[in-house]
Amino acid sequence: MTRYGKLIALVLMGLIPGLGHPQDTLYYDGRYYVGQATRSFAVTEGGKLVMTSIVADIKVEAWSQNQVQIIEVKSIDVPTKTEARTAWQKTESSFRQEGNLIEVEGRDYKRKYIRGFYRVKVPVVFSFHVDTEGGDISVNGLSGEVVLNTSGGDIELKGLSGRVEARTSGGDMNAEQIRGKLTLKTSGGDLVMKELEGIITARTSGGDVELIHLKGDAELKTSGGDIYLGDIEGESVTAHTSGGDIEVQGVKSNLKVTTFAGDVDIENTEGEVIATTSGGDVEIIDVVGGVKTSTSGGDIKCNRISGFVEAKTSGGDIVVKKLLNTNIQDHHLDLETSGGNIELYLPPNIKADVEAKITIRPYAIREYHITSDFPLEIEKIKEGGYLHITGKGKINGGGHPVNLKTTRGNIYIKELED
């Protein structure tokens, strides 16, 4: 056998001097030199794996064995075996075991010709902490505490039970089938969360947020994206975006959503709804509960609302269709717009005290009026340099307060048809 042949055989056997461990291998795959180190540690359930100073992608999976297995792989793009061996030795991680604690410390190798990857397997009941300086992280199937931090990669989480905390400075985050307290934070990516149970806190500075199928509470925030919420059951859900739309479907929880520059669409919810936008329209449909909503520059439509409604806009129309629900006591209505019409639909059996007012300049060219299917006493009063058109009356003997105010707009009160 030639000297070169012997070298190749030693490489494949993992016995090249200087690789440091019988399970280490270095081989050429036709394009790159690939270094691989395999370490196995006997442990019991309830232990912890800690990885620090990692510059590589990491994939962690649970398995049925009482063992931690770590396979470190590096693709090294250099022209010779000697250079590949030197690069491997300079960047090889260190491994340490102390009882049920496994520690892995990587070496900083900010070199474009090296790309690292870890394949990790741990027992199901095990905790995992990792800090990477640039790589994707995937964790699947663990029951324990999971804490992840990467400076520049995506994070994928699936099938986890326990406290989970994940942060990335520049990637997307996906979480699926998580039970427990979940905290996600990214400075420049999207957040997608599905099939969760627990308390959720999620923030991104530059992406969209999607949350589907949650049993629990959630606090969501994005500085530059849209938010979608669907199929949630809990006590409290809050969502805020500084520059996007908000869409909600099928939420059984008290809900608070705000956006500074987008529309709000909410449908089929149970619980109190608070919805605010500074620059868009609001549409809320099929709510079993009260609604508080406002916009600084758009229309408001509330259709089939079974609780109270408080709606205010500075530059649009308001349309409300009110339903009665015997399980809800508060049915008051407070609608106000500074530059549009108010259109209110009331069920024929509602008991209400109605006060409606239109405020205009006396010399306004256009005529404004209050129109009602229910008996109201209409008056015109000049006061303080303005003309006030008012309408007052009791429906079915009076009851829930109904206050309607508009400036430079008409008011229509109509009987809701079945």
Protein backbone atom coordinates (compact mmCIF):
# COMPACT_ATOMS: atom_id res chain seq x y z
CA MET A 1 0.00 0.00 0.00
CA THR A 2 1.36 3.42 -0.88
CA ARG A 3 1.97 6.08 1.75
CA TYR A 4 -1.05 8.03 0.42
CA GLY A 5 -3.20 4.92 0.62
CA LYS A 6 -2.16 4.30 4.21
CA LEU A 7 -3.03 7.91 5.08
CA ILE A 8 -6.49 7.58 3.61
CA ALA A 9 -7.05 4.37 5.52
CA LEU A 10 -6.00 6.02 8.76
CA VAL A 11 -8.31 8.95 8.06
CA LEU A 12 -11.27 6.66 7.49
CA MET A 13 -10.44 4.75 10.66
CA GLY A 14 -10.27 7.99 12.65
CA LEU A 15 -6.67 7.28 13.71
CA ILE A 16 -4.79 10.20 12.23
CA PRO A 17 -2.43 11.54 14.91
CA GLY A 18 -3.61 14.84 16.31
CA LEU A 19 -7.38 14.35 15.91
CA GLY A 20 -7.46 13.54 19.58
CA HIS A 21 -10.04 10.76 19.94
CA PRO A 22 -10.55 7.27 18.43
CA GLN A 23 -14.05 8.27 17.25
CA ASP A 24 -12.79 11.35 15.36
CA THR A 25 -12.68 11.13 11.58
CA LEU A 26 -11.48 13.34 8.77
CA TYR A 27 -12.34 12.53 5.17
CA TYR A 28 -12.72 14.12 1.76
CA ASP A 29 -16.26 14.00 0.30
CA GLY A 30 -15.30 15.11 -3.20
CA ARG A 31 -15.66 18.81 -2.51
CA TYR A 32 -14.80 19.50 1.13
CA TYR A 33 -12.77 17.90 3.86
CA VAL A 34 -15.18 16.82 6.58
CA GLY A 35 -14.15 16.47 10.19
CA GLN A 36 -16.40 14.57 12.58
CA ALA A 37 -16.17 14.02 16.32
CA THR A 38 -18.57 11.71 18.17
CA ARG A 39 -18.94 11.77 21.95
CA SER A 40 -21.27 9.67 24.10
CA PHE A 41 -22.02 10.17 27.81
CA ALA A 42 -23.96 7.91 30.16
CA VAL A 43 -26.61 9.94 32.01
CA THR A 44 -29.98 9.59 33.71
CA GLU A 45 -33.18 11.51 33.11
CA GLY A 46 -33.34 15.00 34.60
CA GLY A 47 -29.87 16.06 33.57
CA LYS A 48 -28.69 19.05 31.58
CA LEU A 49 -26.67 19.72 28.45
CA VAL A 50 -24.96 23.11 28.20
CA MET A 51 -23.33 24.28 24.97
CA THR A 52 -21.47 27.62 24.82
CA SER A 53 -19.42 29.61 22.30
CA ILE A 54 -20.85 27.60 19.43
CA VAL A 55 -20.38 28.76 15.83
CA ALA A 56 -22.52 26.18 14.05
CA ASP A 57 -26.02 24.91 13.39
CA ILE A 58 -27.45 22.61 16.07
CA LYS A 59 -30.11 19.91 15.86
CA VAL A 60 -31.27 18.36 19.13
CA GLU A 61 -33.63 15.38 19.38
CA ALA A 62 -34.89 13.24 22.23
CA TRP A 63 -34.41 9.48 22.21
CA SER A 64 -35.18 6.57 24.53
CA GLN A 65 -31.62 5.86 25.69
CA ASN A 66 -30.02 7.10 28.93
CA GLN A 67 -27.21 8.61 26.97
CA VAL A 68 -26.20 11.94 25.47
CA GLN A 69 -24.70 11.60 22.04
CA ILE A 70 -23.04 14.59 20.37
CA ILE A 71 -21.76 14.47 16.81
CA GLU A 72 -19.77 17.53 15.74
CA VAL A 73 -19.29 17.93 12.00
CA LYS A 74 -17.27 20.56 10.15
CA SER A 75 -17.03 21.09 6.41
CA ILE A 76 -13.59 22.58 5.72
CA ASP A 77 -12.98 24.17 2.33
CA VAL A 78 -9.17 24.06 2.01
CA PRO A 79 -6.94 22.58 -0.71
CA THR A 80 -4.89 20.08 1.34
CA LYS A 81 -5.36 17.45 4.01
CA THR A 82 -2.76 19.09 6.19
CA GLU A 83 -4.64 22.40 6.20
CA ALA A 84 -7.89 20.60 6.94
CA ARG A 85 -6.32 18.73 9.86
CA THR A 86 -4.86 21.96 11.25
CA ALA A 87 -8.20 23.79 10.93
CA TRP A 88 -10.00 20.91 12.69
CA GLN A 89 -7.54 20.86 15.58
CA LYS A 90 -7.77 24.62 16.10
CA THR A 91 -11.57 24.65 16.14
CA GLU A 92 -12.42 21.34 17.84
CA SER A 93 -14.85 21.68 20.76
CA SER A 94 -14.07 20.58 24.30
CA PHE A 95 -16.36 18.17 26.18
CA ARG A 96 -16.76 17.70 29.93
CA GLN A 97 -19.04 15.60 32.13
CA GLU A 98 -19.75 16.17 35.80
CA GLY A 99 -22.41 13.78 37.01
CA ASN A 100 -25.59 14.46 35.07
CA LEU A 101 -24.23 17.69 33.61
CA ILE A 102 -22.67 17.68 30.14
CA GLU A 103 -20.80 20.78 28.97
CA VAL A 104 -19.63 21.52 25.46
CA GLU A 105 -17.50 24.56 24.70
CA GLY A 106 -16.87 25.54 21.13
CA ARG A 107 -14.01 27.54 19.73
CA ASP A 108 -14.40 30.79 17.87
CA TYR A 109 -13.63 30.23 14.19
CA LYS A 110 -15.01 33.11 12.20
CA ARG A 111 -13.61 31.74 8.99
CA LYS A 112 -15.67 31.53 5.83
CA TYR A 113 -14.08 28.25 4.76
CA ILE A 114 -15.42 26.34 7.79
CA ARG A 115 -19.06 25.48 8.42
CA GLY A 116 -20.08 23.57 11.51
CA PHE A 117 -23.02 21.41 12.52
CA TYR A 118 -23.96 19.47 15.68
CA ARG A 119 -26.30 16.47 15.82
CA VAL A 120 -27.34 15.90 19.42
CA LYS A 121 -29.48 13.25 21.07
CA VAL A 122 -30.55 13.37 24.73
CA PRO A 123 -33.04 11.51 26.97
CA VAL A 124 -36.63 12.76 26.79
CA VAL A 125 -36.56 14.25 30.30
CA PHE A 126 -33.55 16.53 29.94
CA SER A 127 -32.73 20.24 29.94
CA PHE A 128 -30.82 22.00 27.20
CA HIS A 129 -29.06 25.39 27.26
CA VAL A 130 -27.14 26.71 24.27
CA ASP A 131 -25.44 29.95 23.24
CA THR A 132 -24.32 30.25 19.62
CA GLU A 133 -22.55 33.07 17.85
CA GLY A 134 -24.13 32.33 14.51
CA GLY A 135 -26.23 29.36 13.52
CA ASP A 136 -29.66 27.77 13.28
CA ILE A 137 -31.07 25.78 16.21
CA SER A 138 -33.64 22.98 16.11
CA VAL A 139 -34.95 21.22 19.25
CA ASN A 140 -37.49 18.39 19.19
CA GLY A 141 -39.16 16.17 21.77
CA LEU A 142 -37.64 17.30 25.08
CA SER A 143 -39.37 17.53 28.44
CA GLY A 144 -37.34 19.98 30.49
CA GLU A 145 -35.99 23.50 30.53
CA VAL A 146 -34.83 24.77 27.13
CA VAL A 147 -32.90 28.05 26.86
CA LEU A 148 -31.56 29.06 23.45
CA ASN A 149 -29.63 32.09 22.26
CA THR A 150 -28.21 32.67 18.79
CA SER A 151 -26.76 35.84 17.29
CA GLY A 152 -27.75 35.11 13.73
CA GLY A 153 -29.93 32.15 12.88
CA ASP A 154 -33.39 30.61 12.75
CA ILE A 155 -34.90 28.65 15.64
CA GLU A 156 -37.31 25.72 15.35
CA LEU A 157 -39.02 24.18 18.38
CA LYS A 158 -41.33 21.19 18.36
CA GLY A 159 -42.84 18.80 20.88
CA LEU A 160 -41.41 20.45 24.00
CA SER A 161 -42.74 20.40 27.55
CA GLY A 162 -41.47 22.80 30.22
CA ARG A 163 -40.11 26.34 30.29
CA VAL A 164 -38.80 27.38 26.90
CA GLU A 165 -36.90 30.60 26.25
CA ALA A 166 -35.41 31.39 22.84
CA ARG A 167 -33.72 34.47 21.42
CA THR A 168 -32.17 35.27 18.06
CA SER A 169 -30.78 38.54 16.75
CA GLY A 170 -31.51 37.88 13.11
CA GLY A 171 -33.75 34.98 12.20
CA ASP A 172 -37.21 33.48 12.07
CA MET A 173 -38.71 31.43 14.90
CA ASN A 174 -41.13 28.51 14.65
CA ALA A 175 -42.70 26.86 17.70
CA GLU A 176 -45.10 23.92 17.46
CA GLN A 177 -46.64 21.58 20.03
CA ILE A 178 -45.20 23.34 23.08
CA ARG A 179 -46.58 22.86 26.60
CA GLY A 180 -45.41 25.30 29.26
CA LYS A 181 -44.17 28.86 29.51
CA LEU A 182 -42.81 29.99 26.15
CA THR A 183 -40.77 33.16 25.57
CA LEU A 184 -39.60 34.07 22.06
CA LYS A 185 -37.67 37.13 20.93
CA THR A 186 -36.13 38.00 17.57
CA SER A 187 -34.75 41.29 16.32
CA GLY A 188 -35.33 40.63 12.64
CA GLY A 189 -37.62 37.76 11.72
CA ASP A 190 -41.09 36.26 11.69
CA LEU A 191 -42.69 34.37 14.58
CA VAL A 192 -44.92 31.36 13.84
CA MET A 193 -46.52 29.49 16.76
CA LYS A 194 -48.95 26.57 16.53
CA GLU A 195 -50.58 24.07 18.89
CA LEU A 196 -49.43 25.56 22.16
CA GLU A 197 -50.55 25.24 25.76
CA GLY A 198 -49.36 27.68 28.43
CA ILE A 199 -48.30 31.31 28.77
CA ILE A 200 -46.80 32.82 25.63
CA THR A 201 -44.62 35.93 25.33
CA ALA A 202 -43.34 36.67 21.83
CA ARG A 203 -41.67 39.75 20.34
CA THR A 204 -40.06 40.66 17.03
CA SER A 205 -38.64 43.97 15.88
CA GLY A 206 -39.07 43.38 12.18
CA GLY A 207 -41.45 40.58 11.19
CA ASP A 208 -44.92 39.11 11.22
CA VAL A 209 -46.46 37.19 14.12
CA GLU A 210 -48.77 34.20 13.70
CA LEU A 211 -50.36 32.35 16.61
CA ILE A 212 -52.76 29.44 15.96
CA HIS A 213 -54.26 26.90 18.38
CA LEU A 214 -53.42 28.10 21.90
CA LYS A 215 -54.84 27.06 25.25
CA GLY A 216 -53.53 29.78 27.51
CA ASP A 217 -52.60 33.45 27.56
CA ALA A 218 -50.43 35.40 25.16
CA GLU A 219 -48.59 38.72 24.91
CA LEU A 220 -47.38 39.48 21.39
CA LYS A 221 -45.51 42.44 19.92
CA THR A 222 -43.96 43.40 16.59
CA SER A 223 -42.52 46.73 15.52
CA GLY A 224 -42.89 46.21 11.80
CA GLY A 225 -45.25 43.44 10.74
CA ASP A 226 -48.73 41.96 10.67
CA ILE A 227 -50.31 39.85 13.42
CA TYR A 228 -52.66 36.90 12.94
CA LEU A 229 -54.42 35.14 15.83
CA GLY A 230 -56.67 32.10 15.47
CA ASP A 231 -58.30 29.42 17.64
CA ILE A 232 -57.24 30.65 21.09
CA GLU A 233 -58.84 29.84 24.43
CA GLY A 234 -57.63 31.49 27.62
CA GLU A 235 -58.08 34.47 29.90
CA SER A 236 -56.03 37.24 28.28
CA VAL A 237 -54.50 37.90 24.85
CA THR A 238 -52.70 41.13 23.95
CA ALA A 239 -51.15 41.96 20.58
CA HIS A 240 -49.39 45.14 19.45
CA THR A 241 -47.82 46.17 16.15
CA SER A 242 -46.33 49.52 15.24
CA GLY A 243 -46.63 49.05 11.51
CA GLY A 244 -49.02 46.36 10.31
CA ASP A 245 -52.51 44.89 10.20
CA ILE A 246 -54.11 42.69 12.85
CA GLU A 247 -56.44 39.80 12.05
CA VAL A 248 -58.19 37.70 14.70
CA GLN A 249 -60.49 34.68 14.28
CA GLY A 250 -61.94 32.34 16.87
CA VAL A 251 -60.64 33.67 20.20
CA LYS A 252 -62.30 32.78 23.51
CA SER A 253 -60.48 35.21 25.76
CA ASN A 254 -60.35 38.85 26.72
CA LEU A 255 -58.57 40.47 23.80
CA LYS A 256 -56.57 43.68 23.45
CA VAL A 257 -55.02 44.62 20.10
CA THR A 258 -53.34 47.85 18.98
CA THR A 259 -51.68 49.03 15.78
CA PHE A 260 -50.29 52.42 14.84
CA ALA A 261 -50.52 52.04 11.08
CA GLY A 262 -52.88 49.31 9.98
CA ASP A 263 -56.35 47.81 9.85
CA VAL A 264 -57.95 45.62 12.51
CA ASP A 265 -60.21 42.68 11.59
CA ILE A 266 -61.74 40.58 14.38
CA GLU A 267 -64.27 37.77 13.96
CA ASN A 268 -65.96 35.18 16.15
CA THR A 269 -64.69 35.94 19.65
CA GLU A 270 -65.93 35.46 23.21
CA GLY A 271 -64.82 37.93 25.87
CA GLU A 272 -64.17 41.65 26.02
CA VAL A 273 -62.49 43.13 22.95
CA ILE A 274 -60.31 46.26 23.00
CA ALA A 275 -59.11 47.27 19.53
CA THR A 276 -57.20 50.45 18.68
CA THR A 277 -55.56 51.75 15.51
CA SER A 278 -54.09 55.15 14.74
CA GLY A 279 -54.32 54.87 10.99
CA GLY A 280 -56.75 52.29 9.66
CA ASP A 281 -60.21 50.78 9.60
CA VAL A 282 -61.71 48.51 12.26
CA GLU A 283 -64.11 45.65 11.50
CA ILE A 284 -65.41 43.45 14.33
CA ILE A 285 -67.90 40.65 13.69
CA ASP A 286 -69.68 38.14 15.94
CA VAL A 287 -68.56 39.01 19.45
CA VAL A 288 -70.08 37.53 22.60
CA GLY A 289 -68.92 40.27 24.95
CA GLY A 290 -68.23 43.96 25.05
CA VAL A 291 -66.24 45.99 22.51
CA LYS A 292 -64.08 49.07 22.98
CA THR A 293 -62.56 50.35 19.77
CA SER A 294 -61.09 53.54 18.34
CA THR A 295 -59.28 54.79 15.27
CA SER A 296 -57.78 58.14 14.41
CA GLY A 297 -58.34 57.88 10.70
CA GLY A 298 -60.75 55.21 9.51
CA ASP A 299 -64.18 53.61 9.56
CA ILE A 300 -65.52 51.33 12.30
CA LYS A 301 -67.88 48.43 11.63
CA CYS A 302 -69.19 46.29 14.49
CA ASN A 303 -71.54 43.57 13.31
CA ARG A 304 -73.50 41.20 15.57
CA ILE A 305 -72.12 42.35 18.91
CA SER A 306 -73.80 40.79 21.96
CA GLY A 307 -72.36 43.09 24.62
CA PHE A 308 -71.71 46.79 25.04
CA VAL A 309 -70.03 48.85 22.31
CA GLU A 310 -67.81 51.90 22.77
CA ALA A 311 -66.54 53.15 19.40
CA LYS A 312 -64.77 56.37 18.49
CA THR A 313 -63.19 57.63 15.27
CA SER A 314 -61.73 61.00 14.35
CA GLY A 315 -62.29 60.66 10.63
CA GLY A 316 -64.75 58.01 9.47
CA ASP A 317 -68.17 56.38 9.64
CA ILE A 318 -69.44 54.07 12.38
CA VAL A 319 -71.79 51.15 11.73
CA VAL A 320 -72.98 48.98 14.62
CA LYS A 321 -75.40 46.04 14.58
CA LYS A 322 -76.38 45.16 18.14
CA LEU A 323 -77.58 41.79 19.43
CA LEU A 324 -79.06 40.92 22.82
CA ASN A 325 -77.71 38.11 24.99
CA THR A 326 -79.50 37.21 28.22
CA ASN A 327 -76.19 36.10 29.77
CA ILE A 328 -74.73 39.60 29.38
CA GLN A 329 -75.93 42.43 31.61
CA ASP A 330 -74.19 45.44 30.06
CA HIS A 331 -75.56 46.56 26.67
CA HIS A 332 -74.72 50.26 26.71
CA LEU A 333 -73.67 51.96 23.45
CA ASP A 334 -71.36 54.96 23.17
CA LEU A 335 -70.56 55.89 19.56
CA GLU A 336 -68.72 59.05 18.50
CA THR A 337 -67.18 60.34 15.26
CA SER A 338 -65.72 63.73 14.39
CA GLY A 339 -66.25 63.50 10.65
CA GLY A 340 -68.70 60.85 9.52
CA ASN A 341 -72.08 59.17 9.80
CA ILE A 342 -73.36 56.87 12.54
CA GLU A 343 -75.55 53.95 11.55
CA LEU A 344 -76.97 51.91 14.44
CA TYR A 345 -79.11 48.76 14.19
CA LEU A 346 -81.01 47.76 17.37
CA PRO A 347 -83.09 44.65 18.10
CA PRO A 348 -86.79 45.48 18.41
CA ASN A 349 -87.02 44.21 22.01
CA ILE A 350 -84.12 46.21 23.44
CA LYS A 351 -84.80 48.53 26.37
CA ALA A 352 -82.79 51.69 25.90
CA ASP A 353 -82.50 55.41 26.67
CA VAL A 354 -81.35 57.09 23.47
CA GLU A 355 -79.50 60.40 23.22
CA ALA A 356 -78.26 61.37 19.76
CA LYS A 357 -76.52 64.61 18.80
CA ILE A 358 -75.20 66.18 15.59
CA THR A 359 -72.97 69.25 15.94
CA ILE A 360 -72.40 71.53 12.92
CA ARG A 361 -71.66 75.15 12.04
CA PRO A 362 -74.85 77.20 11.60
CA TYR A 363 -73.83 78.24 8.10
CA ALA A 364 -73.14 74.69 6.87
CA ILE A 365 -74.28 74.28 3.27
CA ARG A 366 -75.21 70.65 3.63
CA GLU A 367 -78.24 69.54 5.64
CA TYR A 368 -77.82 66.98 8.42
CA HIS A 369 -80.47 64.95 10.15
CA ILE A 370 -81.29 62.21 12.65
CA THR A 371 -83.43 59.38 11.28
CA SER A 372 -84.89 56.71 13.57
CA ASP A 373 -87.20 53.70 13.29
CA PHE A 374 -87.90 54.18 17.00
CA PRO A 375 -89.79 57.20 18.41
CA LEU A 376 -87.44 60.10 19.19
CA GLU A 377 -88.00 63.73 20.02
CA ILE A 378 -85.92 65.81 17.61
CA GLU A 379 -84.74 69.33 18.46
CA LYS A 380 -82.44 71.95 16.93
CA ILE A 381 -80.52 74.16 19.36
CA LYS A 382 -78.03 76.97 18.63
CA GLU A 383 -75.40 77.20 21.33
CA GLY A 384 -71.83 78.47 21.50
CA GLY A 385 -71.67 79.28 17.82
CA TYR A 386 -72.83 75.81 16.79
CA LEU A 387 -76.07 74.20 15.72
CA HIS A 388 -76.94 71.06 17.68
CA ILE A 389 -79.47 68.59 16.32
CA THR A 390 -80.57 66.28 19.12
CA GLY A 391 -82.76 63.22 19.34
CA LYS A 392 -83.97 61.72 22.62
CA GLY A 393 -86.31 58.91 23.50
CA LYS A 394 -87.02 55.74 25.42
CA ILE A 395 -87.29 52.43 23.63
CA ASN A 396 -89.57 49.87 25.30
CA GLY A 397 -89.74 51.99 28.44
CA GLY A 398 -86.02 52.77 28.62
CA GLY A 399 -83.02 50.94 30.00
CA HIS A 400 -79.51 50.68 28.57
CA PRO A 401 -77.90 54.05 27.73
CA VAL A 402 -77.36 54.70 24.02
CA ASN A 403 -75.25 57.81 23.29
CA LEU A 404 -74.52 58.84 19.71
CA LYS A 405 -72.43 61.88 18.74
CA THR A 406 -71.15 63.13 15.42
CA THR A 407 -69.73 66.31 13.97
CA ARG A 408 -70.68 66.99 10.35
CA GLY A 409 -72.48 63.69 9.85
CA ASN A 410 -75.90 62.05 9.92
CA ILE A 411 -77.29 59.60 12.47
CA TYR A 412 -79.43 56.63 11.44
CA ILE A 413 -81.10 54.39 14.04
CA LYS A 414 -82.72 51.36 12.48
CA GLU A 415 -84.55 48.28 13.68
CA LEU A 416 -82.48 45.16 13.26
CA GLU A 417 -84.12 42.58 11.03
CA ASP A 418 -83.89 38.86 11.75
